[in-house]
Amino acid sequence: MTQQTRSALKELQALDERIAEVEDKIRDFDPLFEEVEEPALILQSELETTRNRLKEMKVEERRVELATQEKEERLKKLEERKKSVRNLREEAAVSAELDMLKRSLQSEEQEAYTLIDQIRKLSEREEELAEAHAEAEAQVEPKRQELLDERQALRDELNQMREQRNAFSESIDNREFRLYESIRGDDNRTAVAPLTQDGACGHCYGMVPLQLQTEVRHGSELIRCEQCGVILAAPEPEPEEESTEETAKAE
């Protein structure tokens, strides 16, 4: 493995790290969408509950209305029947049934009035919620669109980096690329690490034997850390110290 190949693998790893970072940013948009949409979603849920309840109450109102009509028709028939009774006993029976039916009818009418009042109030509440939900949606939409645009920009960037990765990986030896992929795995583990200046693995910081350090710096063989298994690369060059004149200017 040449130094050039090691450098290529390090560049590939840096690209993979940027790809993973962008993927994390894209995933982070999900809770942001939830946070932005939450007020409108709460109003929408309450509005749907109110509308369902309103439908139920209107069905109940229709049931009471039909029951009332049925009792009124029965009441008319009983009153007609009362006119043709033949004895006191039959008259008493019809009168008792009439009284009972009138009380039941009165109860039905009271229930109908109560339902009408509740439906009126619930209809007003529905209008208020619908208006509040429309306002919330109007406020949410610009924020939602802004998040959508930001996320799409990241997705475009991600696609470009993936294309760049595919092209870059074709320039790397297939055997070395497969080794890199196997070490990195699905959880994006570190696959390549440079030696530190004192000869330790840049990933686990375990000391590397001197002979292996020399081979990593100057050899062409692939060397892996005996402790953590990463591919070892030459140390990063130390930054040059500023001259006294440059330091004075900076100060």
C-alpha atoms as a PDB file:
ATOM      1  CA  MET A   1       0.000   0.000   0.000  1.00  0.00           C
ATOM      2  CA  THR A   2       1.627   3.259  -1.122  1.00  0.00           C
ATOM      3  CA  GLN A   3       1.446   6.553   0.702  1.00  0.00           C
ATOM      4  CA  GLN A   4      -0.696   7.783  -2.180  1.00  0.00           C
ATOM      5  CA  THR A   5      -3.230   5.026  -1.561  1.00  0.00           C
ATOM      6  CA  ARG A   6      -3.276   5.760   2.153  1.00  0.00           C
ATOM      7  CA  SER A   7      -3.901   9.418   1.400  1.00  0.00           C
ATOM      8  CA  ALA A   8      -6.718   8.429  -0.950  1.00  0.00           C
ATOM      9  CA  LEU A   9      -8.329   6.312   1.761  1.00  0.00           C
ATOM     10  CA  LYS A  10      -8.008   9.202   4.212  1.00  0.00           C
ATOM     11  CA  GLU A  11      -9.720  11.513   1.707  1.00  0.00           C
ATOM     12  CA  LEU A  12     -12.429   8.915   1.181  1.00  0.00           C
ATOM     13  CA  GLN A  13     -12.941   8.660   4.936  1.00  0.00           C
ATOM     14  CA  ALA A  14     -13.168  12.457   5.245  1.00  0.00           C
ATOM     15  CA  LEU A  15     -15.812  12.432   2.498  1.00  0.00           C
ATOM     16  CA  ASP A  16     -17.713   9.636   4.244  1.00  0.00           C
ATOM     17  CA  GLU A  17     -17.660  11.622   7.471  1.00  0.00           C
ATOM     18  CA  ARG A  18     -19.125  14.653   5.682  1.00  0.00           C
ATOM     19  CA  ILE A  19     -21.778  12.415   4.113  1.00  0.00           C
ATOM     20  CA  ALA A  20     -22.677  10.985   7.543  1.00  0.00           C
ATOM     21  CA  GLU A  21     -22.833  14.505   8.976  1.00  0.00           C
ATOM     22  CA  VAL A  22     -25.245  15.670   6.247  1.00  0.00           C
ATOM     23  CA  GLU A  23     -27.371  12.532   6.712  1.00  0.00           C
ATOM     24  CA  ASP A  24     -27.636  13.334  10.431  1.00  0.00           C
ATOM     25  CA  LYS A  25     -28.675  16.907   9.633  1.00  0.00           C
ATOM     26  CA  ILE A  26     -31.389  15.630   7.291  1.00  0.00           C
ATOM     27  CA  ARG A  27     -32.711  13.292   9.990  1.00  0.00           C
ATOM     28  CA  ASP A  28     -32.741  16.194  12.453  1.00  0.00           C
ATOM     29  CA  PHE A  29     -35.416  17.901  10.346  1.00  0.00           C
ATOM     30  CA  ASP A  30     -38.130  15.455  11.457  1.00  0.00           C
ATOM     31  CA  PRO A  31     -38.461  16.864  15.009  1.00  0.00           C
ATOM     32  CA  LEU A  32     -38.204  20.389  13.575  1.00  0.00           C
ATOM     33  CA  PHE A  33     -41.203  19.737  11.333  1.00  0.00           C
ATOM     34  CA  GLU A  34     -43.108  18.329  14.301  1.00  0.00           C
ATOM     35  CA  GLU A  35     -42.283  21.386  16.396  1.00  0.00           C
ATOM     36  CA  VAL A  36     -43.397  23.815  13.671  1.00  0.00           C
ATOM     37  CA  GLU A  37     -46.588  21.908  12.840  1.00  0.00           C
ATOM     38  CA  GLU A  38     -47.589  21.046  16.411  1.00  0.00           C
ATOM     39  CA  PRO A  39     -49.915  24.080  17.067  1.00  0.00           C
ATOM     40  CA  ALA A  40     -51.818  23.484  13.817  1.00  0.00           C
ATOM     41  CA  LEU A  41     -51.969  19.730  14.440  1.00  0.00           C
ATOM     42  CA  ILE A  42     -53.434  20.254  17.916  1.00  0.00           C
ATOM     43  CA  LEU A  43     -56.131  22.550  16.489  1.00  0.00           C
ATOM     44  CA  GLN A  44     -56.799  20.103  13.668  1.00  0.00           C
ATOM     45  CA  SER A  45     -57.259  17.248  16.121  1.00  0.00           C
ATOM     46  CA  GLU A  46     -59.642  19.305  18.276  1.00  0.00           C
ATOM     47  CA  LEU A  47     -61.531  20.439  15.162  1.00  0.00           C
ATOM     48  CA  GLU A  48     -61.984  16.849  13.950  1.00  0.00           C
ATOM     49  CA  THR A  49     -63.170  15.768  17.403  1.00  0.00           C
ATOM     50  CA  THR A  50     -65.674  18.643  17.485  1.00  0.00           C
ATOM     51  CA  ARG A  51     -66.978  17.818  14.002  1.00  0.00           C
ATOM     52  CA  ASN A  52     -67.399  14.144  14.879  1.00  0.00           C
ATOM     53  CA  ARG A  53     -69.243  15.050  18.058  1.00  0.00           C
ATOM     54  CA  LEU A  54     -71.435  17.460  16.094  1.00  0.00           C
ATOM     55  CA  LYS A  55     -72.351  14.702  13.644  1.00  0.00           C
ATOM     56  CA  GLU A  56     -73.267  12.382  16.524  1.00  0.00           C
ATOM     57  CA  MET A  57     -75.440  15.029  18.138  1.00  0.00           C
ATOM     58  CA  LYS A  58     -77.252  15.757  14.865  1.00  0.00           C
ATOM     59  CA  VAL A  59     -77.976  12.050  14.487  1.00  0.00           C
ATOM     60  CA  GLU A  60     -79.295  12.029  18.040  1.00  0.00           C
ATOM     61  CA  GLU A  61     -81.382  15.126  17.276  1.00  0.00           C
ATOM     62  CA  ARG A  62     -82.931  13.351  14.307  1.00  0.00           C
ATOM     63  CA  ARG A  63     -83.703  10.313  16.467  1.00  0.00           C
ATOM     64  CA  VAL A  64     -85.447  12.479  19.078  1.00  0.00           C
ATOM     65  CA  GLU A  65     -87.325  14.313  16.340  1.00  0.00           C
ATOM     66  CA  LEU A  66     -88.665  11.059  14.861  1.00  0.00           C
ATOM     67  CA  ALA A  67     -89.553   9.732  18.319  1.00  0.00           C
ATOM     68  CA  THR A  68     -91.444  12.973  19.053  1.00  0.00           C
ATOM     69  CA  GLN A  69     -93.349  12.773  15.775  1.00  0.00           C
ATOM     70  CA  GLU A  70     -94.270   9.172  16.501  1.00  0.00           C
ATOM     71  CA  LYS A  71     -95.566  10.068  19.984  1.00  0.00           C
ATOM     72  CA  GLU A  72     -97.547  13.041  18.622  1.00  0.00           C
ATOM     73  CA  GLU A  73     -99.265  10.783  16.098  1.00  0.00           C
ATOM     74  CA  ARG A  74     -99.995   8.247  18.800  1.00  0.00           C
ATOM     75  CA  LEU A  75    -101.320  11.017  21.025  1.00  0.00           C
ATOM     76  CA  LYS A  76    -103.782  12.125  18.325  1.00  0.00           C
ATOM     77  CA  LYS A  77    -105.012   8.573  17.899  1.00  0.00           C
ATOM     78  CA  LEU A  78    -105.544   8.176  21.659  1.00  0.00           C
ATOM     79  CA  GLU A  79    -107.455  11.459  21.833  1.00  0.00           C
ATOM     80  CA  GLU A  80    -109.691  10.278  18.988  1.00  0.00           C
ATOM     81  CA  ARG A  81    -110.117   6.945  20.729  1.00  0.00           C
ATOM     82  CA  LYS A  82    -111.069   8.689  23.965  1.00  0.00           C
ATOM     83  CA  LYS A  83    -114.026  10.259  22.223  1.00  0.00           C
ATOM     84  CA  SER A  84    -115.474   6.835  21.369  1.00  0.00           C
ATOM     85  CA  VAL A  85    -114.964   4.972  24.692  1.00  0.00           C
ATOM     86  CA  ARG A  86    -117.994   2.970  25.857  1.00  0.00           C
ATOM     87  CA  ASN A  87    -117.499   2.890  29.622  1.00  0.00           C
ATOM     88  CA  LEU A  88    -115.665   4.563  32.471  1.00  0.00           C
ATOM     89  CA  ARG A  89    -113.127   1.777  32.822  1.00  0.00           C
ATOM     90  CA  GLU A  90    -112.035   2.078  29.199  1.00  0.00           C
ATOM     91  CA  GLU A  91    -111.976   5.869  29.529  1.00  0.00           C
ATOM     92  CA  ALA A  92    -109.736   5.635  32.581  1.00  0.00           C
ATOM     93  CA  ALA A  93    -107.335   3.324  30.760  1.00  0.00           C
ATOM     94  CA  VAL A  94    -107.105   5.633  27.750  1.00  0.00           C
ATOM     95  CA  SER A  95    -106.679   8.688  30.006  1.00  0.00           C
ATOM     96  CA  ALA A  96    -103.848   6.994  31.917  1.00  0.00           C
ATOM     97  CA  GLU A  97    -102.108   6.112  28.674  1.00  0.00           C
ATOM     98  CA  LEU A  98    -102.615   9.680  27.430  1.00  0.00           C
ATOM     99  CA  ASP A  99    -101.050  11.133  30.586  1.00  0.00           C
ATOM    100  CA  MET A 100     -98.082   8.804  30.351  1.00  0.00           C
ATOM    101  CA  LEU A 101     -97.604   9.610  26.669  1.00  0.00           C
ATOM    102  CA  LYS A 102     -97.828  13.375  27.311  1.00  0.00           C
ATOM    103  CA  ARG A 103     -95.153  13.139  30.017  1.00  0.00           C
ATOM    104  CA  SER A 104     -92.956  11.127  27.657  1.00  0.00           C
ATOM    105  CA  LEU A 105     -93.560  13.635  24.887  1.00  0.00           C
ATOM    106  CA  GLN A 106     -92.709  16.493  27.220  1.00  0.00           C
ATOM    107  CA  SER A 107     -89.458  14.727  28.120  1.00  0.00           C
ATOM    108  CA  GLU A 108     -88.645  14.201  24.436  1.00  0.00           C
ATOM    109  CA  GLU A 109     -89.295  17.863  23.676  1.00  0.00           C
ATOM    110  CA  GLN A 110     -87.061  18.946  26.567  1.00  0.00           C
ATOM    111  CA  GLU A 111     -84.306  16.658  25.300  1.00  0.00           C
ATOM    112  CA  ALA A 112     -84.764  18.126  21.815  1.00  0.00           C
ATOM    113  CA  TYR A 113     -84.409  21.683  23.142  1.00  0.00           C
ATOM    114  CA  THR A 114     -81.267  20.704  25.050  1.00  0.00           C
ATOM    115  CA  LEU A 115     -79.763  19.072  21.945  1.00  0.00           C
ATOM    116  CA  ILE A 116     -80.572  22.106  19.799  1.00  0.00           C
ATOM    117  CA  ASP A 117     -78.799  24.362  22.281  1.00  0.00           C
ATOM    118  CA  GLN A 118     -75.766  22.064  22.479  1.00  0.00           C
ATOM    119  CA  ILE A 119     -75.605  21.800  18.687  1.00  0.00           C
ATOM    120  CA  ARG A 120     -75.732  25.569  18.397  1.00  0.00           C
ATOM    121  CA  LYS A 121     -72.858  26.011  20.860  1.00  0.00           C
ATOM    122  CA  LEU A 122     -70.853  23.215  19.257  1.00  0.00           C
ATOM    123  CA  SER A 123     -71.379  24.708  15.796  1.00  0.00           C
ATOM    124  CA  GLU A 124     -70.049  28.029  17.070  1.00  0.00           C
ATOM    125  CA  ARG A 125     -67.053  26.220  18.544  1.00  0.00           C
ATOM    126  CA  GLU A 126     -66.480  24.462  15.238  1.00  0.00           C
ATOM    127  CA  GLU A 127     -66.389  27.804  13.419  1.00  0.00           C
ATOM    128  CA  GLU A 128     -63.928  29.221  15.961  1.00  0.00           C
ATOM    129  CA  LEU A 129     -61.643  26.186  15.666  1.00  0.00           C
ATOM    130  CA  ALA A 130     -61.811  26.192  11.862  1.00  0.00           C
ATOM    131  CA  GLU A 131     -60.796  29.853  11.811  1.00  0.00           C
ATOM    132  CA  ALA A 132     -57.996  29.312  14.338  1.00  0.00           C
ATOM    133  CA  HIS A 133     -56.756  26.264  12.398  1.00  0.00           C
ATOM    134  CA  ALA A 134     -56.700  28.233   9.131  1.00  0.00           C
ATOM    135  CA  GLU A 135     -54.686  31.007  10.816  1.00  0.00           C
ATOM    136  CA  ALA A 136     -52.266  28.473  12.318  1.00  0.00           C
ATOM    137  CA  GLU A 137     -51.803  26.794   8.936  1.00  0.00           C
ATOM    138  CA  ALA A 138     -51.118  30.175   7.349  1.00  0.00           C
ATOM    139  CA  GLN A 139     -48.434  30.856   9.958  1.00  0.00           C
ATOM    140  CA  VAL A 140     -46.955  27.366   9.689  1.00  0.00           C
ATOM    141  CA  GLU A 141     -46.710  27.239   5.898  1.00  0.00           C
ATOM    142  CA  PRO A 142     -43.801  29.735   5.470  1.00  0.00           C
ATOM    143  CA  LYS A 143     -41.819  28.025   8.237  1.00  0.00           C
ATOM    144  CA  ARG A 144     -42.601  24.590   6.805  1.00  0.00           C
ATOM    145  CA  GLN A 145     -41.545  25.708   3.323  1.00  0.00           C
ATOM    146  CA  GLU A 146     -38.330  27.155   4.698  1.00  0.00           C
ATOM    147  CA  LEU A 147     -37.516  23.826   6.352  1.00  0.00           C
ATOM    148  CA  LEU A 148     -38.419  21.954   3.162  1.00  0.00           C
ATOM    149  CA  ASP A 149     -36.062  24.171   1.146  1.00  0.00           C
ATOM    150  CA  GLU A 150     -33.233  23.706   3.652  1.00  0.00           C
ATOM    151  CA  ARG A 151     -33.716  19.950   3.715  1.00  0.00           C
ATOM    152  CA  GLN A 152     -33.838  19.756  -0.089  1.00  0.00           C
ATOM    153  CA  ALA A 153     -30.602  21.735  -0.308  1.00  0.00           C
ATOM    154  CA  LEU A 154     -28.964  19.212   2.030  1.00  0.00           C
ATOM    155  CA  ARG A 155     -30.353  16.323  -0.022  1.00  0.00           C
ATOM    156  CA  ASP A 156     -28.919  17.849  -3.188  1.00  0.00           C
ATOM    157  CA  GLU A 157     -25.579  18.278  -1.458  1.00  0.00           C
ATOM    158  CA  LEU A 158     -25.759  14.682  -0.240  1.00  0.00           C
ATOM    159  CA  ASN A 159     -26.448  13.369  -3.750  1.00  0.00           C
ATOM    160  CA  GLN A 160     -23.479  15.310  -5.102  1.00  0.00           C
ATOM    161  CA  MET A 161     -21.176  13.926  -2.414  1.00  0.00           C
ATOM    162  CA  ARG A 162     -22.385  10.381  -3.053  1.00  0.00           C
ATOM    163  CA  GLU A 163     -21.672  10.793  -6.754  1.00  0.00           C
ATOM    164  CA  GLN A 164     -18.265  12.181  -5.851  1.00  0.00           C
ATOM    165  CA  ARG A 165     -17.662   9.197  -3.572  1.00  0.00           C
ATOM    166  CA  ASN A 166     -18.594   6.707  -6.279  1.00  0.00           C
ATOM    167  CA  ALA A 167     -16.218   8.347  -8.726  1.00  0.00           C
ATOM    168  CA  PHE A 168     -13.453   8.633  -6.131  1.00  0.00           C
ATOM    169  CA  SER A 169     -13.750   5.016  -4.986  1.00  0.00           C
ATOM    170  CA  GLU A 170     -13.191   3.793  -8.554  1.00  0.00           C
ATOM    171  CA  SER A 171      -9.660   5.234  -8.418  1.00  0.00           C
ATOM    172  CA  ILE A 172      -8.778   3.099  -5.383  1.00  0.00           C
ATOM    173  CA  ASP A 173      -7.553  -0.479  -5.600  1.00  0.00           C
ATOM    174  CA  ASN A 174     -10.563  -2.790  -5.289  1.00  0.00           C
ATOM    175  CA  ARG A 175      -8.974  -4.994  -2.594  1.00  0.00           C
ATOM    176  CA  GLU A 176      -8.002  -2.014  -0.467  1.00  0.00           C
ATOM    177  CA  PHE A 177     -11.428  -0.426  -0.966  1.00  0.00           C
ATOM    178  CA  ARG A 178     -13.169  -3.616   0.195  1.00  0.00           C
ATOM    179  CA  LEU A 179     -10.954  -3.710   3.281  1.00  0.00           C
ATOM    180  CA  TYR A 180     -11.791  -0.089   4.006  1.00  0.00           C
ATOM    181  CA  GLU A 181     -15.531  -0.817   3.656  1.00  0.00           C
ATOM    182  CA  SER A 182     -15.335  -3.893   5.901  1.00  0.00           C
ATOM    183  CA  ILE A 183     -13.605  -1.942   8.676  1.00  0.00           C
ATOM    184  CA  ARG A 184     -15.931   1.034   8.383  1.00  0.00           C
ATOM    185  CA  GLY A 185     -19.040  -1.178   8.383  1.00  0.00           C
ATOM    186  CA  ASP A 186     -22.626   0.024   8.579  1.00  0.00           C
ATOM    187  CA  ASP A 187     -22.026   2.239  11.626  1.00  0.00           C
ATOM    188  CA  ASN A 188     -19.297   4.336   9.948  1.00  0.00           C
ATOM    189  CA  ARG A 189     -16.430   3.320  12.211  1.00  0.00           C
ATOM    190  CA  THR A 190     -13.018   4.899  11.739  1.00  0.00           C
ATOM    191  CA  ALA A 191     -11.128   2.890   9.125  1.00  0.00           C
ATOM    192  CA  VAL A 192      -7.943   4.953   8.608  1.00  0.00           C
ATOM    193  CA  ALA A 193      -5.959   6.777  11.274  1.00  0.00           C
ATOM    194  CA  PRO A 194      -2.576   8.498  11.082  1.00  0.00           C
ATOM    195  CA  LEU A 195       0.205   7.784  13.529  1.00  0.00           C
ATOM    196  CA  THR A 196       0.739  10.423  16.174  1.00  0.00           C
ATOM    197  CA  GLN A 197       4.075  12.190  16.245  1.00  0.00           C
ATOM    198  CA  ASP A 198       5.247   9.901  19.058  1.00  0.00           C
ATOM    199  CA  GLY A 199       4.285   6.735  17.175  1.00  0.00           C
ATOM    200  CA  ALA A 200       0.876   5.873  18.615  1.00  0.00           C
ATOM    201  CA  CYS A 201      -2.264   4.871  16.713  1.00  0.00           C
ATOM    202  CA  GLY A 202      -4.283   8.005  15.999  1.00  0.00           C
ATOM    203  CA  HIS A 203      -7.515   6.150  16.773  1.00  0.00           C
ATOM    204  CA  CYS A 204      -6.943   4.103  19.935  1.00  0.00           C
ATOM    205  CA  TYR A 205      -3.652   5.799  20.937  1.00  0.00           C
ATOM    206  CA  GLY A 206      -1.990   2.462  21.571  1.00  0.00           C
ATOM    207  CA  MET A 207       1.766   2.508  20.888  1.00  0.00           C
ATOM    208  CA  VAL A 208       2.825   0.961  17.583  1.00  0.00           C
ATOM    209  CA  PRO A 209       6.119  -1.032  17.520  1.00  0.00           C
ATOM    210  CA  LEU A 210       9.041   0.882  15.987  1.00  0.00           C
ATOM    211  CA  GLN A 211       9.443  -1.533  13.079  1.00  0.00           C
ATOM    212  CA  LEU A 212       5.777  -1.129  12.146  1.00  0.00           C
ATOM    213  CA  GLN A 213       6.090   2.649  12.491  1.00  0.00           C
ATOM    214  CA  THR A 214       8.902   2.595   9.927  1.00  0.00           C
ATOM    215  CA  GLU A 215       6.875   0.444   7.555  1.00  0.00           C
ATOM    216  CA  VAL A 216       3.896   2.772   7.899  1.00  0.00           C
ATOM    217  CA  ARG A 217       6.058   5.820   7.174  1.00  0.00           C
ATOM    218  CA  HIS A 218       8.130   4.397   4.335  1.00  0.00           C
ATOM    219  CA  GLY A 219       6.876   0.962   3.359  1.00  0.00           C
ATOM    220  CA  SER A 220       4.359  -0.119   0.767  1.00  0.00           C
ATOM    221  CA  GLU A 221       2.639  -2.830   2.822  1.00  0.00           C
ATOM    222  CA  LEU A 222      -0.753  -2.348   4.391  1.00  0.00           C
ATOM    223  CA  ILE A 223      -0.304  -2.021   8.147  1.00  0.00           C
ATOM    224  CA  ARG A 224      -3.164  -2.222  10.620  1.00  0.00           C
ATOM    225  CA  CYS A 225      -3.169  -1.330  14.295  1.00  0.00           C
ATOM    226  CA  GLU A 226      -2.744  -4.488  16.354  1.00  0.00           C
ATOM    227  CA  GLN A 227      -5.110  -3.150  19.011  1.00  0.00           C
ATOM    228  CA  CYS A 228      -8.050  -1.571  17.177  1.00  0.00           C
ATOM    229  CA  GLY A 229      -7.574  -2.825  13.604  1.00  0.00           C
ATOM    230  CA  VAL A 230      -7.633   0.498  11.747  1.00  0.00           C
ATOM    231  CA  ILE A 231      -5.413   1.083   8.721  1.00  0.00           C
ATOM    232  CA  LEU A 232      -2.416   3.125   9.834  1.00  0.00           C
ATOM    233  CA  ALA A 233      -1.190   6.086   7.789  1.00  0.00           C
ATOM    234  CA  ALA A 234       1.828   8.337   8.106  1.00  0.00           C
ATOM    235  CA  PRO A 235       1.647  11.082  10.738  1.00  0.00           C
ATOM    236  CA  GLU A 236       0.119  14.397   9.816  1.00  0.00           C
ATOM    237  CA  PRO A 237       2.795  17.051   9.239  1.00  0.00           C
ATOM    238  CA  GLU A 238       3.249  19.407  12.145  1.00  0.00           C
ATOM    239  CA  PRO A 239       2.220  23.023  11.467  1.00  0.00           C
ATOM    240  CA  GLU A 240       5.182  25.306  10.879  1.00  0.00           C
ATOM    241  CA  GLU A 241       5.937  27.725  13.704  1.00  0.00           C
ATOM    242  CA  GLU A 242       5.466  31.377  12.922  1.00  0.00           C
ATOM    243  CA  SER A 243       8.563  33.474  12.649  1.00  0.00           C
ATOM    244  CA  THR A 244       9.284  36.089  15.294  1.00  0.00           C
ATOM    245  CA  GLU A 245       8.441  38.862  12.819  1.00  0.00           C
ATOM    246  CA  GLU A 246       5.089  37.253  11.872  1.00  0.00           C
ATOM    247  CA  THR A 247       4.283  36.731  15.543  1.00  0.00           C
ATOM    248  CA  ALA A 248       5.024  40.358  16.290  1.00  0.00           C
ATOM    249  CA  LYS A 249       2.795  41.481  13.419  1.00  0.00           C
ATOM    250  CA  ALA A 250      -0.009  39.250  14.613  1.00  0.00           C
ATOM    251  CA  GLU A 251       0.293  40.666  18.103  1.00  0.00           C
END
